[in-house]
């Protein structure tokens, strides 16, 4: 009977201890999560828009970047495909 009461007491103590710890730690955890999300958002926003103070080229200069066309490889050893029809 005493071991049963000790078990119930330990379970209640752990439950209320975790409940208190979660209520105490939640505001700090939320501040940390919001801070990290803000940093990631700011980093993504600055990375996509670019910083106007750090221009690499002169204003008005136009550059055109072209991607070279990939040459298709032809298999000439296979031959041509011919579609035949059956005649009755």
N, C-alpha and C. Protein backbone atom coordinates (compact mmCIF):
# COMPACT_ATOMS: atom_id res chain seq x y z
N UNK A 1 0.83 -1.20 0.00
CA UNK A 1 0.00 0.00 0.00
C UNK A 1 0.87 1.26 0.00
N UNK A 2 1.97 1.23 0.73
CA UNK A 2 2.83 2.40 0.82
C UNK A 2 3.57 2.61 -0.50
N UNK A 3 3.95 1.53 -1.18
CA UNK A 3 4.63 1.68 -2.47
C UNK A 3 3.68 2.27 -3.50
N UNK A 4 2.41 1.90 -3.39
CA UNK A 4 1.41 2.48 -4.31
C UNK A 4 1.29 3.98 -4.10
N UNK A 5 1.24 4.40 -2.84
CA UNK A 5 1.15 5.83 -2.53
C UNK A 5 2.41 6.57 -2.96
N UNK A 6 3.58 5.94 -2.79
CA UNK A 6 4.83 6.56 -3.24
C UNK A 6 4.82 6.74 -4.76
N UNK A 7 4.33 5.72 -5.46
CA UNK A 7 4.27 5.79 -6.93
C UNK A 7 3.35 6.92 -7.38
N UNK A 8 2.18 7.01 -6.76
CA UNK A 8 1.23 8.08 -7.09
C UNK A 8 1.84 9.43 -6.77
N UNK A 9 2.53 9.55 -5.65
CA UNK A 9 3.16 10.80 -5.24
C UNK A 9 4.26 11.20 -6.24
N UNK A 10 5.06 10.24 -6.67
CA UNK A 10 6.12 10.53 -7.64
C UNK A 10 5.50 10.97 -8.97
N UNK A 11 4.47 10.29 -9.41
CA UNK A 11 3.81 10.66 -10.67
C UNK A 11 3.24 12.06 -10.59
N UNK A 12 2.56 12.40 -9.50
CA UNK A 12 2.02 13.75 -9.32
C UNK A 12 3.13 14.79 -9.23
N UNK A 13 4.21 14.47 -8.55
CA UNK A 13 5.33 15.40 -8.42
C UNK A 13 5.96 15.66 -9.79
N UNK A 14 6.16 14.62 -10.58
CA UNK A 14 6.72 14.79 -11.92
C UNK A 14 5.76 15.59 -12.79
N UNK A 15 4.47 15.30 -12.72
CA UNK A 15 3.47 16.00 -13.53
C UNK A 15 3.47 17.49 -13.21
N UNK A 16 3.37 17.84 -11.92
CA UNK A 16 3.31 19.24 -11.55
C UNK A 16 4.66 19.94 -11.78
N UNK A 17 5.75 19.22 -11.60
CA UNK A 17 7.06 19.79 -11.86
C UNK A 17 7.23 20.13 -13.34
N UNK A 18 6.83 19.22 -14.22
CA UNK A 18 6.91 19.49 -15.66
C UNK A 18 5.97 20.62 -16.06
N UNK A 19 4.79 20.64 -15.46
CA UNK A 19 3.83 21.70 -15.75
C UNK A 19 4.40 23.06 -15.38
N UNK A 20 5.02 23.16 -14.21
CA UNK A 20 5.64 24.40 -13.77
C UNK A 20 6.82 24.78 -14.67
N UNK A 21 7.64 23.79 -15.00
CA UNK A 21 8.81 24.04 -15.85
C UNK A 21 8.39 24.51 -17.25
N UNK A 22 7.37 23.93 -17.80
CA UNK A 22 6.89 24.32 -19.14
C UNK A 22 6.33 25.74 -19.10
N UNK A 23 5.56 26.05 -18.07
CA UNK A 23 5.02 27.41 -17.97
C UNK A 23 6.12 28.45 -17.78
N UNK A 24 7.18 28.09 -17.11
CA UNK A 24 8.30 29.00 -16.89
C UNK A 24 9.16 29.15 -18.15
N UNK A 25 9.36 28.07 -18.90
CA UNK A 25 10.27 28.09 -20.03
C UNK A 25 9.60 28.50 -21.35
N UNK A 26 8.30 28.43 -21.45
CA UNK A 26 7.61 28.73 -22.71
C UNK A 26 7.86 30.16 -23.22
N UNK A 27 7.79 31.19 -22.39
CA UNK A 27 8.05 32.54 -22.93
C UNK A 27 9.45 32.69 -23.50
N UNK A 28 10.44 32.11 -22.84
CA UNK A 28 11.81 32.20 -23.34
C UNK A 28 11.97 31.42 -24.63
N UNK A 29 11.35 30.26 -24.69
CA UNK A 29 11.42 29.45 -25.90
C UNK A 29 10.74 30.16 -27.07
N UNK A 30 9.60 30.78 -26.82
CA UNK A 30 8.89 31.49 -27.88
C UNK A 30 9.70 32.70 -28.36
N UNK A 31 10.32 33.42 -27.44
CA UNK A 31 11.17 34.55 -27.84
C UNK A 31 12.31 34.07 -28.74
N UNK A 32 12.91 32.94 -28.39
CA UNK A 32 14.01 32.39 -29.18
C UNK A 32 13.53 32.00 -30.57
N UNK A 33 12.38 31.34 -30.65
CA UNK A 33 11.85 30.90 -31.94
C UNK A 33 11.50 32.10 -32.82
N UNK A 34 10.87 33.11 -32.25
CA UNK A 34 10.50 34.31 -33.01
C UNK A 34 11.76 35.05 -33.48
N UNK A 35 12.75 35.12 -32.63
CA UNK A 35 14.01 35.78 -32.99
C UNK A 35 14.68 35.06 -34.15
N UNK A 36 14.75 33.74 -34.10
CA UNK A 36 15.37 32.96 -35.18
C UNK A 36 14.57 33.09 -36.48
N UNK A 37 13.25 33.06 -36.39
CA UNK A 37 12.42 33.22 -37.59
C UNK A 37 12.62 34.60 -38.20
N UNK A 38 12.72 35.63 -37.36
CA UNK A 38 12.97 36.98 -37.85
C UNK A 38 14.32 37.09 -38.54
N UNK A 39 15.33 36.44 -37.97
CA UNK A 39 16.65 36.46 -38.60
C UNK A 39 16.63 35.76 -39.95
N UNK A 40 15.95 34.62 -40.03
CA UNK A 40 15.86 33.90 -41.30
C UNK A 40 15.09 34.72 -42.34
N UNK A 41 14.01 35.35 -41.91
CA UNK A 41 13.23 36.18 -42.83
C UNK A 41 14.06 37.35 -43.33
N UNK A 42 14.78 38.00 -42.42
CA UNK A 42 15.61 39.14 -42.80
C UNK A 42 16.73 38.70 -43.74
N UNK A 43 17.33 37.55 -43.47
CA UNK A 43 18.39 37.05 -44.33
C UNK A 43 17.85 36.72 -45.72
N UNK A 44 16.69 36.09 -45.79
CA UNK A 44 16.10 35.76 -47.09
C UNK A 44 15.69 37.03 -47.84
N UNK A 45 15.14 38.00 -47.12
CA UNK A 45 14.70 39.23 -47.76
C UNK A 45 15.89 40.01 -48.29
N UNK A 46 16.95 40.13 -47.51
CA UNK A 46 18.13 40.86 -47.94
C UNK A 46 18.85 40.12 -49.05
N UNK A 47 18.82 38.81 -49.03
CA UNK A 47 19.49 38.04 -50.06
C UNK A 47 18.80 38.13 -51.40
N UNK A 48 17.48 38.20 -51.40
CA UNK A 48 16.75 38.24 -52.67
C UNK A 48 16.69 39.65 -53.25
N UNK A 49 16.62 40.65 -52.40
CA UNK A 49 16.50 42.02 -52.88
C UNK A 49 17.86 42.64 -53.17
N UNK A 50 18.83 42.31 -52.39
CA UNK A 50 20.15 42.89 -52.56
C UNK A 50 20.25 44.19 -51.80
N UNK A 51 21.44 44.52 -51.42
CA UNK A 51 21.68 45.75 -50.67
C UNK A 51 21.99 46.87 -51.66
N UNK A 52 21.23 47.97 -51.67
CA UNK A 52 21.47 49.02 -52.66
C UNK A 52 22.78 49.76 -52.43
N UNK A 53 23.35 49.68 -51.26
CA UNK A 53 24.60 50.38 -51.00
C UNK A 53 25.82 49.65 -51.53
N UNK A 54 25.68 48.37 -51.85
CA UNK A 54 26.84 47.59 -52.30
C UNK A 54 26.69 47.24 -53.78
N UNK A 55 26.79 48.24 -54.64
CA UNK A 55 26.69 48.01 -56.08
C UNK A 55 28.05 47.61 -56.61
N UNK A 56 28.08 46.55 -57.42
CA UNK A 56 29.33 46.06 -57.96
C UNK A 56 29.66 46.72 -59.29
N UNK A 57 28.65 47.11 -60.03
CA UNK A 57 28.86 47.70 -61.35
C UNK A 57 28.37 49.13 -61.35
N UNK A 58 28.81 49.87 -62.36
CA UNK A 58 28.36 51.25 -62.48
C UNK A 58 26.89 51.28 -62.86
N UNK A 59 26.24 52.33 -62.44
CA UNK A 59 24.83 52.50 -62.76
C UNK A 59 24.68 52.77 -64.25
N UNK A 60 23.76 52.09 -64.90
CA UNK A 60 23.51 52.29 -66.32
C UNK A 60 24.21 51.27 -67.19
N UNK A 61 25.13 50.51 -66.65
CA UNK A 61 25.84 49.50 -67.43
C UNK A 61 24.92 48.30 -67.64
N UNK A 62 24.85 47.83 -68.87
CA UNK A 62 23.97 46.73 -69.20
C UNK A 62 24.82 45.50 -69.49
N UNK A 63 24.48 44.40 -68.85
CA UNK A 63 25.16 43.14 -69.12
C UNK A 63 24.11 42.10 -69.49
N UNK A 64 24.43 41.27 -70.45
CA UNK A 64 23.52 40.21 -70.88
C UNK A 64 24.24 38.89 -70.70
N UNK A 65 23.66 38.04 -69.90
CA UNK A 65 24.25 36.72 -69.68
C UNK A 65 23.47 35.71 -70.52
N UNK A 66 24.19 34.93 -71.30
CA UNK A 66 23.56 33.92 -72.14
C UNK A 66 23.99 32.54 -71.67
N UNK A 67 23.07 31.64 -71.72
CA UNK A 67 23.39 30.25 -71.43
C UNK A 67 23.66 29.58 -72.77
N UNK A 68 24.83 28.98 -72.95
CA UNK A 68 25.11 28.35 -74.23
C UNK A 68 24.18 27.17 -74.49
N UNK A 69 23.81 26.99 -75.73
CA UNK A 69 22.92 25.89 -76.10
C UNK A 69 23.68 24.58 -76.01
N UNK A 70 23.03 23.60 -75.47
CA UNK A 70 23.65 22.28 -75.41
C UNK A 70 23.42 21.57 -76.73
N UNK A 71 24.45 20.98 -77.24
CA UNK A 71 24.33 20.27 -78.50
C UNK A 71 23.75 18.89 -78.22
N UNK A 72 22.76 18.53 -79.01
CA UNK A 72 22.12 17.24 -78.85
C UNK A 72 22.96 16.17 -79.54
N UNK A 73 23.07 15.06 -78.87
CA UNK A 73 23.83 13.96 -79.44
C UNK A 73 22.87 13.09 -80.24
N UNK A 74 23.24 12.81 -81.47
CA UNK A 74 22.43 11.96 -82.34
C UNK A 74 23.08 10.58 -82.43
N UNK A 75 22.27 9.58 -82.35
CA UNK A 75 22.77 8.22 -82.52
C UNK A 75 22.55 7.83 -83.97
N UNK A 76 23.58 7.95 -84.76
CA UNK A 76 23.45 7.64 -86.18
C UNK A 76 23.61 6.16 -86.46
N UNK A 77 24.06 5.40 -85.50
CA UNK A 77 24.28 3.97 -85.73
C UNK A 77 22.99 3.17 -85.66
N UNK A 78 21.94 3.72 -85.10
CA UNK A 78 20.69 2.99 -84.94
C UNK A 78 19.95 2.89 -86.26
N UNK A 79 19.88 3.93 -87.04
CA UNK A 79 19.17 3.92 -88.30
C UNK A 79 17.86 4.66 -88.21
N UNK A 80 17.11 4.65 -89.30
CA UNK A 80 15.83 5.35 -89.36
C UNK A 80 14.71 4.43 -88.96
N UNK A 81 13.68 5.03 -88.41
CA UNK A 81 12.50 4.27 -88.03
C UNK A 81 11.51 4.31 -89.19
N UNK A 82 11.03 3.15 -89.60
CA UNK A 82 10.06 3.06 -90.69
C UNK A 82 8.83 2.37 -90.16
N UNK A 83 7.67 3.00 -90.41
CA UNK A 83 6.41 2.44 -89.95
C UNK A 83 5.74 1.74 -91.13
N UNK A 84 5.52 0.45 -90.98
CA UNK A 84 4.90 -0.34 -92.04
C UNK A 84 3.44 -0.60 -91.72
N UNK A 85 2.63 -0.67 -92.77
CA UNK A 85 1.22 -1.03 -92.60
C UNK A 85 1.00 -2.37 -93.25
N UNK A 86 0.14 -3.16 -92.62
CA UNK A 86 -0.20 -4.46 -93.20
C UNK A 86 -1.24 -4.30 -94.28
N UNK A 87 -1.06 -4.98 -95.35
CA UNK A 87 -2.04 -4.97 -96.44
C UNK A 87 -2.78 -6.29 -96.44
N UNK A 88 -4.07 -6.25 -96.68
CA UNK A 88 -4.86 -7.49 -96.73
C UNK A 88 -4.92 -8.04 -98.12
